[in-house]
Amino acid sequence: MKVVAASVDSIESVAKLKEGLHVGYPMFAQVDAKALATATGAHIQEGDRTFTHATAFLVDPDGRVSNAVYSTGPIGRFTASEVIRKTIFEQAKSS
């Protein structure tokens, strides 16, 4: 499995978050929220601060989206155990 994260937050904020979480996966900063929403279908919130709500994709080895989660608010995200279960399920199907 590979993990990649993107944020509309500043490079400094994302670097601090990454350091605090002790993660080794890529975290991209200053992503254009409107462009991301257009490309992925993510829900966007505009106002004092424009951002996309959590959007996640599980992509199979062939580059196809095997599962997606779109949030419209502060809940609705993949959990680690859900990703592991889905991965095991997909691997079993292909065996």
N, C-alpha and C. Protein backbone atom coordinates (compact mmCIF):
# COMPACT_ATOMS: atom_id res chain seq x y z
N MET A 1 0.83 -1.18 0.00
CA MET A 1 0.00 0.00 0.00
C MET A 1 0.88 1.24 0.00
N LYS A 2 0.38 2.28 -0.62
CA LYS A 2 1.05 3.57 -0.60
C LYS A 2 0.05 4.61 -0.13
N VAL A 3 0.53 5.60 0.57
CA VAL A 3 -0.32 6.68 1.06
C VAL A 3 0.25 8.00 0.55
N VAL A 4 -0.64 8.87 0.11
CA VAL A 4 -0.28 10.22 -0.30
C VAL A 4 -1.34 11.14 0.26
N ALA A 5 -0.95 12.29 0.75
CA ALA A 5 -1.90 13.25 1.31
C ALA A 5 -1.71 14.61 0.65
N ALA A 6 -2.80 15.36 0.57
CA ALA A 6 -2.74 16.72 0.01
C ALA A 6 -3.54 17.65 0.90
N SER A 7 -3.11 18.89 0.97
CA SER A 7 -3.76 19.88 1.82
C SER A 7 -3.72 21.24 1.16
N VAL A 8 -4.72 22.04 1.45
CA VAL A 8 -4.71 23.43 0.98
C VAL A 8 -3.90 24.31 1.93
N ASP A 9 -3.47 23.75 3.06
CA ASP A 9 -2.73 24.52 4.05
C ASP A 9 -1.32 24.87 3.54
N SER A 10 -0.68 25.76 4.25
CA SER A 10 0.65 26.22 3.88
C SER A 10 1.68 25.11 4.00
N ILE A 11 2.80 25.30 3.33
CA ILE A 11 3.90 24.35 3.41
C ILE A 11 4.35 24.19 4.86
N GLU A 12 4.43 25.29 5.58
CA GLU A 12 4.86 25.26 6.97
C GLU A 12 3.89 24.46 7.84
N SER A 13 2.59 24.69 7.66
CA SER A 13 1.58 23.98 8.45
C SER A 13 1.61 22.49 8.18
N VAL A 14 1.75 22.11 6.91
CA VAL A 14 1.79 20.69 6.55
C VAL A 14 3.06 20.04 7.07
N ALA A 15 4.18 20.73 7.00
CA ALA A 15 5.44 20.18 7.53
C ALA A 15 5.33 19.94 9.03
N LYS A 16 4.72 20.87 9.74
CA LYS A 16 4.54 20.73 11.19
C LYS A 16 3.60 19.56 11.50
N LEU A 17 2.53 19.44 10.74
CA LEU A 17 1.58 18.33 10.92
C LEU A 17 2.28 17.00 10.67
N LYS A 18 3.02 16.92 9.57
CA LYS A 18 3.72 15.68 9.22
C LYS A 18 4.72 15.30 10.31
N GLU A 19 5.44 16.27 10.82
CA GLU A 19 6.40 16.01 11.88
C GLU A 19 5.69 15.52 13.15
N GLY A 20 4.58 16.15 13.47
CA GLY A 20 3.83 15.75 14.67
C GLY A 20 3.20 14.37 14.56
N LEU A 21 2.82 13.98 13.34
CA LEU A 21 2.20 12.67 13.13
C LEU A 21 3.24 11.57 12.95
N HIS A 22 4.49 11.95 12.70
CA HIS A 22 5.57 10.99 12.46
C HIS A 22 5.25 10.06 11.29
N VAL A 23 4.82 10.64 10.19
CA VAL A 23 4.49 9.83 9.01
C VAL A 23 5.60 9.96 7.97
N GLY A 24 5.77 8.91 7.18
CA GLY A 24 6.80 8.92 6.16
C GLY A 24 6.26 9.09 4.75
N TYR A 25 4.93 9.17 4.63
CA TYR A 25 4.37 9.30 3.28
C TYR A 25 4.34 10.75 2.83
N PRO A 26 4.28 10.96 1.51
CA PRO A 26 4.26 12.32 0.97
C PRO A 26 3.01 13.09 1.40
N MET A 27 3.19 14.32 1.80
CA MET A 27 2.08 15.22 2.12
C MET A 27 2.31 16.51 1.33
N PHE A 28 1.45 16.76 0.37
CA PHE A 28 1.59 17.94 -0.49
C PHE A 28 0.82 19.11 0.10
N ALA A 29 1.40 20.29 0.01
CA ALA A 29 0.81 21.49 0.60
C ALA A 29 0.40 22.47 -0.48
N GLN A 30 -0.40 23.43 -0.08
CA GLN A 30 -0.86 24.53 -0.93
C GLN A 30 -1.54 24.03 -2.21
N VAL A 31 -2.29 22.95 -2.10
CA VAL A 31 -3.03 22.43 -3.24
C VAL A 31 -4.21 23.37 -3.50
N ASP A 32 -4.50 23.64 -4.75
CA ASP A 32 -5.61 24.52 -5.13
C ASP A 32 -6.92 23.77 -4.87
N ALA A 33 -7.70 24.25 -3.89
CA ALA A 33 -8.93 23.57 -3.48
C ALA A 33 -9.93 23.42 -4.62
N LYS A 34 -10.10 24.47 -5.41
CA LYS A 34 -11.07 24.41 -6.51
C LYS A 34 -10.62 23.42 -7.58
N ALA A 35 -9.34 23.41 -7.89
CA ALA A 35 -8.82 22.47 -8.89
C ALA A 35 -8.95 21.03 -8.39
N LEU A 36 -8.65 20.82 -7.11
CA LEU A 36 -8.79 19.48 -6.54
C LEU A 36 -10.24 19.01 -6.57
N ALA A 37 -11.15 19.90 -6.21
CA ALA A 37 -12.58 19.55 -6.23
C ALA A 37 -13.05 19.23 -7.65
N THR A 38 -12.61 20.00 -8.61
CA THR A 38 -12.98 19.76 -10.00
C THR A 38 -12.44 18.41 -10.49
N ALA A 39 -11.21 18.11 -10.13
CA ALA A 39 -10.56 16.88 -10.60
C ALA A 39 -11.09 15.62 -9.93
N THR A 40 -11.51 15.74 -8.66
CA THR A 40 -11.86 14.54 -7.90
C THR A 40 -13.32 14.43 -7.51
N GLY A 41 -14.07 15.52 -7.60
CA GLY A 41 -15.45 15.52 -7.13
C GLY A 41 -15.56 15.81 -5.65
N ALA A 42 -14.45 16.21 -5.02
CA ALA A 42 -14.46 16.53 -3.59
C ALA A 42 -15.43 17.67 -3.32
N HIS A 43 -16.02 17.65 -2.13
CA HIS A 43 -16.90 18.74 -1.72
C HIS A 43 -16.03 19.91 -1.26
N ILE A 44 -16.40 21.09 -1.70
CA ILE A 44 -15.60 22.28 -1.38
C ILE A 44 -16.41 23.20 -0.48
N GLN A 45 -15.75 23.86 0.44
CA GLN A 45 -16.37 24.85 1.29
C GLN A 45 -15.67 26.16 1.02
N GLU A 46 -16.45 27.17 0.72
CA GLU A 46 -15.87 28.48 0.44
C GLU A 46 -16.35 29.47 1.49
N GLY A 47 -15.57 30.48 1.73
CA GLY A 47 -15.90 31.49 2.72
C GLY A 47 -14.62 32.18 3.13
N ASP A 48 -14.50 32.43 4.46
CA ASP A 48 -13.27 33.05 4.97
C ASP A 48 -12.05 32.23 4.59
N ARG A 49 -12.24 30.91 4.55
CA ARG A 49 -11.16 29.98 4.21
C ARG A 49 -11.75 28.95 3.26
N THR A 50 -11.19 28.80 2.09
CA THR A 50 -11.69 27.83 1.11
C THR A 50 -10.89 26.54 1.24
N PHE A 51 -11.62 25.42 1.34
CA PHE A 51 -10.96 24.13 1.45
C PHE A 51 -11.88 23.03 0.95
N THR A 52 -11.29 21.87 0.69
CA THR A 52 -12.09 20.71 0.34
C THR A 52 -12.25 19.86 1.60
N HIS A 53 -13.40 19.21 1.69
CA HIS A 53 -13.61 18.26 2.77
C HIS A 53 -12.85 16.99 2.44
N ALA A 54 -12.64 16.16 3.44
CA ALA A 54 -11.85 14.94 3.26
C ALA A 54 -12.39 14.11 2.10
N THR A 55 -11.49 13.71 1.25
CA THR A 55 -11.79 12.88 0.09
C THR A 55 -10.67 11.85 0.01
N ALA A 56 -11.06 10.58 -0.10
CA ALA A 56 -10.04 9.53 -0.11
C ALA A 56 -10.35 8.50 -1.18
N PHE A 57 -9.29 7.96 -1.75
CA PHE A 57 -9.43 6.95 -2.80
C PHE A 57 -8.51 5.78 -2.49
N LEU A 58 -9.02 4.58 -2.69
CA LEU A 58 -8.18 3.39 -2.70
C LEU A 58 -8.00 3.05 -4.17
N VAL A 59 -6.77 3.01 -4.61
CA VAL A 59 -6.45 2.80 -6.02
C VAL A 59 -5.78 1.44 -6.16
N ASP A 60 -6.27 0.63 -7.08
CA ASP A 60 -5.70 -0.71 -7.26
C ASP A 60 -4.38 -0.63 -8.03
N PRO A 61 -3.65 -1.75 -8.11
CA PRO A 61 -2.34 -1.72 -8.79
C PRO A 61 -2.41 -1.29 -10.25
N ASP A 62 -3.59 -1.41 -10.88
CA ASP A 62 -3.75 -0.97 -12.27
C ASP A 62 -4.12 0.50 -12.38
N GLY A 63 -4.20 1.20 -11.24
CA GLY A 63 -4.51 2.63 -11.25
C GLY A 63 -5.99 2.94 -11.25
N ARG A 64 -6.85 1.94 -11.04
CA ARG A 64 -8.30 2.17 -10.99
C ARG A 64 -8.75 2.40 -9.55
N VAL A 65 -9.70 3.29 -9.37
CA VAL A 65 -10.26 3.55 -8.04
C VAL A 65 -11.13 2.36 -7.66
N SER A 66 -10.78 1.68 -6.57
CA SER A 66 -11.56 0.54 -6.12
C SER A 66 -12.55 0.92 -5.03
N ASN A 67 -12.33 2.05 -4.39
CA ASN A 67 -13.26 2.55 -3.37
C ASN A 67 -12.95 4.03 -3.15
N ALA A 68 -13.99 4.79 -2.88
CA ALA A 68 -13.81 6.22 -2.61
C ALA A 68 -14.70 6.65 -1.47
N VAL A 69 -14.25 7.64 -0.72
CA VAL A 69 -15.04 8.22 0.35
C VAL A 69 -15.03 9.73 0.16
N TYR A 70 -16.22 10.31 0.09
CA TYR A 70 -16.37 11.75 -0.04
C TYR A 70 -17.08 12.27 1.20
N SER A 71 -16.47 13.18 1.91
CA SER A 71 -17.08 13.76 3.09
C SER A 71 -17.65 15.13 2.76
N THR A 72 -18.75 15.46 3.41
CA THR A 72 -19.34 16.80 3.25
C THR A 72 -19.21 17.58 4.55
N GLY A 73 -18.46 17.06 5.48
CA GLY A 73 -18.29 17.71 6.77
C GLY A 73 -17.17 17.07 7.56
N PRO A 74 -17.20 17.22 8.88
CA PRO A 74 -16.07 16.76 9.70
C PRO A 74 -16.00 15.25 9.93
N ILE A 75 -16.99 14.49 9.48
CA ILE A 75 -16.91 13.03 9.61
C ILE A 75 -16.95 12.41 8.22
N GLY A 76 -16.64 11.13 8.13
CA GLY A 76 -16.68 10.44 6.85
C GLY A 76 -15.32 10.24 6.24
N ARG A 77 -14.50 9.45 6.91
CA ARG A 77 -13.15 9.18 6.41
C ARG A 77 -12.88 7.68 6.50
N PHE A 78 -11.92 7.20 5.70
CA PHE A 78 -11.47 5.83 5.84
C PHE A 78 -10.77 5.68 7.19
N THR A 79 -10.95 4.54 7.81
CA THR A 79 -10.13 4.21 8.97
C THR A 79 -9.06 3.23 8.49
N ALA A 80 -7.99 3.13 9.25
CA ALA A 80 -6.91 2.21 8.88
C ALA A 80 -7.44 0.78 8.77
N SER A 81 -8.29 0.36 9.70
CA SER A 81 -8.80 -1.01 9.66
C SER A 81 -9.68 -1.25 8.43
N GLU A 82 -10.43 -0.24 7.99
CA GLU A 82 -11.25 -0.39 6.78
C GLU A 82 -10.36 -0.56 5.55
N VAL A 83 -9.29 0.19 5.48
CA VAL A 83 -8.38 0.09 4.34
C VAL A 83 -7.72 -1.29 4.32
N ILE A 84 -7.31 -1.76 5.48
CA ILE A 84 -6.69 -3.09 5.54
C ILE A 84 -7.69 -4.16 5.14
N ARG A 85 -8.92 -4.11 5.66
CA ARG A 85 -9.95 -5.10 5.30
C ARG A 85 -10.24 -5.07 3.81
N LYS A 86 -10.37 -3.89 3.23
CA LYS A 86 -10.64 -3.77 1.80
C LYS A 86 -9.47 -4.32 0.98
N THR A 87 -8.25 -4.05 1.41
CA THR A 87 -7.07 -4.55 0.70
C THR A 87 -7.03 -6.08 0.73
N ILE A 88 -7.28 -6.65 1.89
CA ILE A 88 -7.30 -8.12 2.03
C ILE A 88 -8.41 -8.70 1.16
N PHE A 89 -9.57 -8.07 1.15
CA PHE A 89 -10.69 -8.54 0.32
C PHE A 89 -10.32 -8.52 -1.15
N GLU A 90 -9.73 -7.42 -1.62
CA GLU A 90 -9.36 -7.31 -3.03
C GLU A 90 -8.27 -8.31 -3.41
N GLN A 91 -7.31 -8.53 -2.51
CA GLN A 91 -6.26 -9.51 -2.78
C GLN A 91 -6.84 -10.92 -2.88
N ALA A 92 -7.79 -11.24 -2.01
CA ALA A 92 -8.43 -12.57 -2.02
C ALA A 92 -9.23 -12.78 -3.31
N LYS A 93 -9.86 -11.73 -3.81
CA LYS A 93 -10.63 -11.82 -5.06
C LYS A 93 -9.73 -12.13 -6.24
N SER A 94 -8.53 -11.58 -6.23
CA SER A 94 -7.64 -11.75 -7.37
C SER A 94 -6.81 -13.02 -7.31
N SER A 95 -6.91 -13.75 -6.20
CA SER A 95 -6.13 -15.01 -6.06
C SER A 95 -6.80 -16.16 -6.77
